[in-house]
C-alpha atoms as a PDB file:
ATOM      1  CA  UNK A   1      23.880 -63.557  65.642  1.00  0.00           C
ATOM      2  CA  UNK A   2      22.733 -65.982  62.994  1.00  0.00           C
ATOM      3  CA  UNK A   3      24.681 -69.142  62.813  1.00  0.00           C
ATOM      4  CA  UNK A   4      27.412 -69.058  60.247  1.00  0.00           C
ATOM      5  CA  UNK A   5      27.170 -71.237  57.213  1.00  0.00           C
ATOM      6  CA  UNK A   6      29.464 -74.108  56.827  1.00  0.00           C
ATOM      7  CA  UNK A   7      32.317 -73.755  54.349  1.00  0.00           C
ATOM      8  CA  UNK A   8      30.605 -76.317  52.123  1.00  0.00           C
ATOM      9  CA  UNK A   9      27.459 -74.267  51.894  1.00  0.00           C
ATOM     10  CA  UNK A  10      29.288 -70.936  51.493  1.00  0.00           C
ATOM     11  CA  UNK A  11      31.433 -72.141  48.613  1.00  0.00           C
ATOM     12  CA  UNK A  12      28.566 -73.702  46.581  1.00  0.00           C
ATOM     13  CA  UNK A  13      27.301 -71.623  43.660  1.00  0.00           C
ATOM     14  CA  UNK A  14      23.656 -71.953  42.616  1.00  0.00           C
ATOM     15  CA  UNK A  15      23.199 -73.850  39.372  1.00  0.00           C
ATOM     16  CA  UNK A  16      21.224 -72.040  36.641  1.00  0.00           C
ATOM     17  CA  UNK A  17      18.822 -74.309  34.895  1.00  0.00           C
ATOM     18  CA  UNK A  18      17.893 -73.806  31.199  1.00  0.00           C
ATOM     19  CA  UNK A  19      14.501 -72.489  32.223  1.00  0.00           C
ATOM     20  CA  UNK A  20      16.110 -69.814  34.374  1.00  0.00           C
ATOM     21  CA  UNK A  21      18.491 -68.825  31.615  1.00  0.00           C
ATOM     22  CA  UNK A  22      15.597 -68.541  29.154  1.00  0.00           C
ATOM     23  CA  UNK A  23      13.614 -66.280  31.494  1.00  0.00           C
ATOM     24  CA  UNK A  24      16.650 -64.062  32.045  1.00  0.00           C
ATOM     25  CA  UNK A  25      17.179 -63.711  28.309  1.00  0.00           C
ATOM     26  CA  UNK A  26      13.531 -62.846  27.784  1.00  0.00           C
ATOM     27  CA  UNK A  27      13.665 -60.223  30.518  1.00  0.00           C
ATOM     28  CA  UNK A  28      16.739 -58.653  28.910  1.00  0.00           C
ATOM     29  CA  UNK A  29      14.962 -58.444  25.544  1.00  0.00           C
ATOM     30  CA  UNK A  30      11.873 -56.871  27.086  1.00  0.00           C
ATOM     31  CA  UNK A  31      14.005 -54.356  28.960  1.00  0.00           C
ATOM     32  CA  UNK A  32      15.741 -53.385  25.729  1.00  0.00           C
ATOM     33  CA  UNK A  33      12.429 -52.880  23.849  1.00  0.00           C
ATOM     34  CA  UNK A  34      10.810 -50.790  26.591  1.00  0.00           C
ATOM     35  CA  UNK A  35      10.928 -46.992  26.488  1.00  0.00           C
ATOM     36  CA  UNK A  36      13.182 -46.118  29.380  1.00  0.00           C
ATOM     37  CA  UNK A  37      13.766 -42.699  30.819  1.00  0.00           C
ATOM     38  CA  UNK A  38      16.663 -41.017  32.484  1.00  0.00           C
ATOM     39  CA  UNK A  39      20.018 -42.644  31.920  1.00  0.00           C
ATOM     40  CA  UNK A  40      18.631 -46.018  30.856  1.00  0.00           C
ATOM     41  CA  UNK A  41      19.470 -47.514  27.460  1.00  0.00           C
ATOM     42  CA  UNK A  42      17.746 -45.848  24.455  1.00  0.00           C
ATOM     43  CA  UNK A  43      14.835 -47.716  22.913  1.00  0.00           C
ATOM     44  CA  UNK A  44      15.805 -49.566  19.756  1.00  0.00           C
ATOM     45  CA  UNK A  45      14.016 -48.384  16.562  1.00  0.00           C
ATOM     46  CA  UNK A  46      11.971 -50.772  14.393  1.00  0.00           C
ATOM     47  CA  UNK A  47      13.871 -52.374  11.559  1.00  0.00           C
ATOM     48  CA  UNK A  48      13.867 -50.248   8.391  1.00  0.00           C
ATOM     49  CA  UNK A  49      12.836 -51.795   5.046  1.00  0.00           C
ATOM     50  CA  UNK A  50      15.659 -52.935   2.803  1.00  0.00           C
ATOM     51  CA  UNK A  51      16.109 -50.110   0.278  1.00  0.00           C
ATOM     52  CA  UNK A  52      19.077 -51.639  -1.538  1.00  0.00           C
ATOM     53  CA  UNK A  53      16.930 -52.162  -4.648  1.00  0.00           C
ATOM     54  CA  UNK A  54      15.507 -48.605  -4.636  1.00  0.00           C
ATOM     55  CA  UNK A  55      16.811 -46.142  -7.250  1.00  0.00           C
ATOM     56  CA  UNK A  56      16.043 -43.212  -4.957  1.00  0.00           C
ATOM     57  CA  UNK A  57      14.409 -42.256  -1.692  1.00  0.00           C
ATOM     58  CA  UNK A  58      10.784 -43.405  -1.393  1.00  0.00           C
ATOM     59  CA  UNK A  59       8.398 -40.394  -1.520  1.00  0.00           C
ATOM     60  CA  UNK A  60       6.691 -39.235   1.601  1.00  0.00           C
ATOM     61  CA  UNK A  61       2.944 -39.696   1.967  1.00  0.00           C
ATOM     62  CA  UNK A  62       2.388 -35.957   1.461  1.00  0.00           C
ATOM     63  CA  UNK A  63       4.460 -35.799  -1.717  1.00  0.00           C
ATOM     64  CA  UNK A  64       2.751 -38.878  -3.080  1.00  0.00           C
ATOM     65  CA  UNK A  65      -0.670 -37.390  -2.340  1.00  0.00           C
ATOM     66  CA  UNK A  66       0.260 -34.086  -3.994  1.00  0.00           C
ATOM     67  CA  UNK A  67       1.562 -35.849  -7.098  1.00  0.00           C
ATOM     68  CA  UNK A  68      -1.644 -37.843  -7.287  1.00  0.00           C
ATOM     69  CA  UNK A  69      -3.755 -34.672  -7.006  1.00  0.00           C
ATOM     70  CA  UNK A  70      -1.757 -32.924  -9.741  1.00  0.00           C
ATOM     71  CA  UNK A  71      -2.064 -35.934 -12.021  1.00  0.00           C
ATOM     72  CA  UNK A  72      -5.803 -36.092 -11.425  1.00  0.00           C
ATOM     73  CA  UNK A  73      -6.215 -32.364 -12.155  1.00  0.00           C
ATOM     74  CA  UNK A  74      -4.207 -32.650 -15.366  1.00  0.00           C
ATOM     75  CA  UNK A  75      -6.261 -35.622 -16.494  1.00  0.00           C
ATOM     76  CA  UNK A  76      -9.504 -33.746 -15.763  1.00  0.00           C
ATOM     77  CA  UNK A  77      -8.303 -30.666 -17.669  1.00  0.00           C
ATOM     78  CA  UNK A  78      -7.255 -32.796 -20.619  1.00  0.00           C
ATOM     79  CA  UNK A  79     -10.601 -34.562 -20.660  1.00  0.00           C
ATOM     80  CA  UNK A  80     -12.468 -31.239 -20.475  1.00  0.00           C
ATOM     81  CA  UNK A  81     -10.407 -29.814 -23.348  1.00  0.00           C
ATOM     82  CA  UNK A  82     -11.029 -32.906 -25.454  1.00  0.00           C
ATOM     83  CA  UNK A  83     -14.743 -32.744 -24.705  1.00  0.00           C
ATOM     84  CA  UNK A  84     -14.914 -29.046 -25.658  1.00  0.00           C
ATOM     85  CA  UNK A  85     -13.040 -29.715 -28.899  1.00  0.00           C
ATOM     86  CA  UNK A  86     -15.419 -32.542 -29.726  1.00  0.00           C
ATOM     87  CA  UNK A  87     -18.473 -30.348 -29.068  1.00  0.00           C
ATOM     88  CA  UNK A  88     -17.010 -27.584 -31.238  1.00  0.00           C
ATOM     89  CA  UNK A  89     -16.382 -30.014 -34.091  1.00  0.00           C
ATOM     90  CA  UNK A  90     -19.905 -31.403 -33.811  1.00  0.00           C
ATOM     91  CA  UNK A  91     -21.397 -27.911 -33.816  1.00  0.00           C
ATOM     92  CA  UNK A  92     -19.347 -26.817 -36.824  1.00  0.00           C
ATOM     93  CA  UNK A  93     -20.226 -29.983 -38.722  1.00  0.00           C
ATOM     94  CA  UNK A  94     -23.956 -29.551 -38.111  1.00  0.00           C
ATOM     95  CA  UNK A  95     -23.854 -25.912 -39.213  1.00  0.00           C
ATOM     96  CA  UNK A  96     -21.685 -26.658 -42.250  1.00  0.00           C
ATOM     97  CA  UNK A  97     -24.020 -29.401 -43.419  1.00  0.00           C
ATOM     98  CA  UNK A  98     -26.938 -26.939 -43.535  1.00  0.00           C
ATOM     99  CA  UNK A  99     -25.224 -23.830 -44.877  1.00  0.00           C
ATOM    100  CA  UNK A 100     -22.249 -24.837 -47.063  1.00  0.00           C
ATOM    101  CA  UNK A 101     -24.073 -24.433 -50.360  1.00  0.00           C
ATOM    102  CA  UNK A 102     -25.782 -21.194 -49.274  1.00  0.00           C
ATOM    103  CA  UNK A 103     -22.417 -19.810 -48.117  1.00  0.00           C
ATOM    104  CA  UNK A 104     -20.798 -20.580 -51.478  1.00  0.00           C
ATOM    105  CA  UNK A 105     -23.695 -18.907 -53.297  1.00  0.00           C
ATOM    106  CA  UNK A 106     -23.559 -15.842 -51.018  1.00  0.00           C
ATOM    107  CA  UNK A 107     -19.824 -15.419 -51.568  1.00  0.00           C
ATOM    108  CA  UNK A 108     -20.323 -15.590 -55.323  1.00  0.00           C
ATOM    109  CA  UNK A 109     -23.155 -13.011 -55.233  1.00  0.00           C
ATOM    110  CA  UNK A 110     -21.136 -10.576 -53.098  1.00  0.00           C
ATOM    111  CA  UNK A 111     -17.992 -10.797 -55.196  1.00  0.00           C
ATOM    112  CA  UNK A 112     -18.931  -7.890 -57.436  1.00  0.00           C
ATOM    113  CA  UNK A 113     -21.071  -5.885 -54.992  1.00  0.00           C
ATOM    114  CA  UNK A 114     -19.803  -2.361 -54.487  1.00  0.00           C
ATOM    115  CA  UNK A 115     -20.124  -0.829 -51.052  1.00  0.00           C
ATOM    116  CA  UNK A 116     -21.995  -2.665 -48.335  1.00  0.00           C
ATOM    117  CA  UNK A 117     -24.955  -3.841 -50.410  1.00  0.00           C
ATOM    118  CA  UNK A 118     -28.657  -3.011 -50.616  1.00  0.00           C
ATOM    119  CA  UNK A 119     -30.029  -5.099 -47.734  1.00  0.00           C
ATOM    120  CA  UNK A 120     -28.271  -3.941 -44.545  1.00  0.00           C
ATOM    121  CA  UNK A 121     -31.573  -2.833 -42.895  1.00  0.00           C
ATOM    122  CA  UNK A 122     -32.962  -6.331 -43.381  1.00  0.00           C
ATOM    123  CA  UNK A 123     -30.134  -8.101 -41.572  1.00  0.00           C
ATOM    124  CA  UNK A 124     -29.197  -8.233 -37.877  1.00  0.00           C
ATOM    125  CA  UNK A 125     -26.779 -10.322 -35.793  1.00  0.00           C
ATOM    126  CA  UNK A 126     -26.734 -11.784 -32.295  1.00  0.00           C
ATOM    127  CA  UNK A 127     -23.859 -13.621 -30.610  1.00  0.00           C
ATOM    128  CA  UNK A 128     -24.426 -17.186 -29.422  1.00  0.00           C
ATOM    129  CA  UNK A 129     -23.210 -18.342 -25.966  1.00  0.00           C
ATOM    130  CA  UNK A 130     -20.006 -20.361 -26.266  1.00  0.00           C
ATOM    131  CA  UNK A 131     -21.515 -22.925 -23.908  1.00  0.00           C
ATOM    132  CA  UNK A 132     -23.960 -23.816 -26.694  1.00  0.00           C
ATOM    133  CA  UNK A 133     -21.384 -23.875 -29.487  1.00  0.00           C
ATOM    134  CA  UNK A 134     -18.643 -25.947 -27.854  1.00  0.00           C
ATOM    135  CA  UNK A 135     -16.462 -22.846 -27.421  1.00  0.00           C
ATOM    136  CA  UNK A 136     -16.783 -21.700 -31.039  1.00  0.00           C
ATOM    137  CA  UNK A 137     -17.299 -17.985 -31.685  1.00  0.00           C
ATOM    138  CA  UNK A 138     -20.609 -17.900 -33.567  1.00  0.00           C
ATOM    139  CA  UNK A 139     -23.316 -15.370 -34.428  1.00  0.00           C
ATOM    140  CA  UNK A 140     -26.929 -15.879 -35.376  1.00  0.00           C
ATOM    141  CA  UNK A 141     -27.657 -13.854 -38.508  1.00  0.00           C
ATOM    142  CA  UNK A 142     -31.331 -12.911 -38.862  1.00  0.00           C
ATOM    143  CA  UNK A 143     -32.460 -12.067 -42.395  1.00  0.00           C
ATOM    144  CA  UNK A 144     -35.958 -10.626 -42.789  1.00  0.00           C
ATOM    145  CA  UNK A 145     -37.549 -10.142 -46.198  1.00  0.00           C
ATOM    146  CA  UNK A 146     -39.181  -6.736 -45.898  1.00  0.00           C
ATOM    147  CA  UNK A 147     -40.233  -6.602 -49.547  1.00  0.00           C
ATOM    148  CA  UNK A 148     -43.543  -7.735 -51.094  1.00  0.00           C
ATOM    149  CA  UNK A 149     -41.989 -10.457 -53.231  1.00  0.00           C
ATOM    150  CA  UNK A 150     -39.680 -13.427 -52.825  1.00  0.00           C
ATOM    151  CA  UNK A 151     -36.012 -12.578 -52.566  1.00  0.00           C
ATOM    152  CA  UNK A 152     -32.633 -14.174 -51.926  1.00  0.00           C
ATOM    153  CA  UNK A 153     -29.944 -12.720 -49.669  1.00  0.00           C
ATOM    154  CA  UNK A 154     -26.179 -12.878 -49.363  1.00  0.00           C
ATOM    155  CA  UNK A 155     -24.440 -11.732 -46.171  1.00  0.00           C
ATOM    156  CA  UNK A 156     -20.765 -11.222 -45.333  1.00  0.00           C
ATOM    157  CA  UNK A 157     -19.607 -11.316 -41.711  1.00  0.00           C
ATOM    158  CA  UNK A 158     -16.093 -10.168 -40.817  1.00  0.00           C
ATOM    159  CA  UNK A 159     -14.363 -11.210 -37.601  1.00  0.00           C
ATOM    160  CA  UNK A 160     -12.034  -8.473 -36.391  1.00  0.00           C
ATOM    161  CA  UNK A 161      -9.305  -8.330 -33.764  1.00  0.00           C
ATOM    162  CA  UNK A 162      -8.848  -5.651 -31.103  1.00  0.00           C
ATOM    163  CA  UNK A 163      -7.086  -3.400 -33.639  1.00  0.00           C
ATOM    164  CA  UNK A 164     -10.034  -3.550 -36.030  1.00  0.00           C
ATOM    165  CA  UNK A 165      -8.241  -5.697 -38.582  1.00  0.00           C
ATOM    166  CA  UNK A 166     -10.231  -8.401 -40.351  1.00  0.00           C
ATOM    167  CA  UNK A 167      -8.877 -11.789 -39.322  1.00  0.00           C
ATOM    168  CA  UNK A 168     -11.538 -13.973 -40.909  1.00  0.00           C
ATOM    169  CA  UNK A 169     -14.528 -13.598 -43.238  1.00  0.00           C
ATOM    170  CA  UNK A 170     -17.573 -15.846 -43.374  1.00  0.00           C
ATOM    171  CA  UNK A 171     -20.590 -15.900 -45.702  1.00  0.00           C
ATOM    172  CA  UNK A 172     -24.197 -16.923 -45.098  1.00  0.00           C
ATOM    173  CA  UNK A 173     -27.347 -16.563 -47.134  1.00  0.00           C
ATOM    174  CA  UNK A 174     -31.006 -17.353 -47.676  1.00  0.00           C
ATOM    175  CA  UNK A 175     -32.700 -18.237 -50.951  1.00  0.00           C
ATOM    176  CA  UNK A 176     -36.270 -17.622 -52.116  1.00  0.00           C
ATOM    177  CA  UNK A 177     -37.360 -16.096 -48.830  1.00  0.00           C
ATOM    178  CA  UNK A 178     -41.082 -15.236 -48.881  1.00  0.00           C
ATOM    179  CA  UNK A 179     -42.277 -11.701 -48.014  1.00  0.00           C
ATOM    180  CA  UNK A 180     -42.254 -11.077 -44.265  1.00  0.00           C
ATOM    181  CA  UNK A 181     -40.444 -14.368 -43.572  1.00  0.00           C
ATOM    182  CA  UNK A 182     -37.148 -14.783 -41.703  1.00  0.00           C
ATOM    183  CA  UNK A 183     -34.100 -16.972 -42.090  1.00  0.00           C
ATOM    184  CA  UNK A 184     -31.491 -17.437 -39.359  1.00  0.00           C
ATOM    185  CA  UNK A 185     -28.233 -18.913 -40.641  1.00  0.00           C
ATOM    186  CA  UNK A 186     -25.199 -19.086 -38.338  1.00  0.00           C
ATOM    187  CA  UNK A 187     -21.795 -17.575 -39.105  1.00  0.00           C
ATOM    188  CA  UNK A 188     -18.949 -19.021 -37.048  1.00  0.00           C
ATOM    189  CA  UNK A 189     -15.235 -18.435 -36.759  1.00  0.00           C
ATOM    190  CA  UNK A 190     -12.595 -21.153 -37.077  1.00  0.00           C
ATOM    191  CA  UNK A 191      -9.974 -18.984 -35.357  1.00  0.00           C
ATOM    192  CA  UNK A 192      -8.620 -19.867 -31.877  1.00  0.00           C
ATOM    193  CA  UNK A 193     -10.476 -18.568 -28.826  1.00  0.00           C
ATOM    194  CA  UNK A 194      -7.597 -16.167 -28.100  1.00  0.00           C
ATOM    195  CA  UNK A 195      -7.106 -13.431 -29.045  1.00  0.00           C
ATOM    196  CA  UNK A 196     -10.785 -12.638 -28.956  1.00  0.00           C
ATOM    197  CA  UNK A 197     -12.459 -11.529 -32.176  1.00  0.00           C
ATOM    198  CA  UNK A 198     -15.530  -9.361 -32.734  1.00  0.00           C
ATOM    199  CA  UNK A 199     -18.033 -10.145 -35.509  1.00  0.00           C
ATOM    200  CA  UNK A 200     -19.146  -7.281 -37.755  1.00  0.00           C
ATOM    201  CA  UNK A 201     -21.763  -7.116 -40.508  1.00  0.00           C
ATOM    202  CA  UNK A 202     -19.729  -6.180 -43.598  1.00  0.00           C
ATOM    203  CA  UNK A 203     -22.173  -6.606 -46.515  1.00  0.00           C
ATOM    204  CA  UNK A 204     -25.768  -7.664 -47.150  1.00  0.00           C
ATOM    205  CA  UNK A 205     -27.153  -7.958 -50.654  1.00  0.00           C
ATOM    206  CA  UNK A 206     -30.682  -8.793 -51.820  1.00  0.00           C
ATOM    207  CA  UNK A 207     -30.910 -10.345 -55.278  1.00  0.00           C
END
């Protein structure tokens, strides 16, 4: 048997120095932060940000990303629409500058023309791609002088809807066209892209 301790030794409690206390505290903190299993204490979660100044819940990363994508798409669509409108205005302005006077003259000449005029065989039309006109509905009108002398021409183009009703009328013309020569004015519609309209050659008069 091991010798028994004296009463003085048995009654003395070990003194804990500050260094020992500090190590014990550190061990307790580490044990609390570790991910224990079984019946051990649950791991404490990281501190959440202070949301007292928020007016609502902060969006999730997915929602924020989706909102950003939608905003970007809307901005791109708006920019594309603005660009198309600008191209259409530029196209119309360039055509108007070249044909305004001829259009006014053609309208005046056709005012008292009965029927469809005397020059339908000398006029043809071809649609222009909207990509070239900034989205404007436009047709290239080809006028060919098939006579043996100089002549002037007035042409009326009607734009009709699906029911065949005339929604818009435009006039183009050519003056002092030499025999065998061609002129190619452009007739364009100022109506919206929808509903779609169909151009039709209404009148053509040689004078």
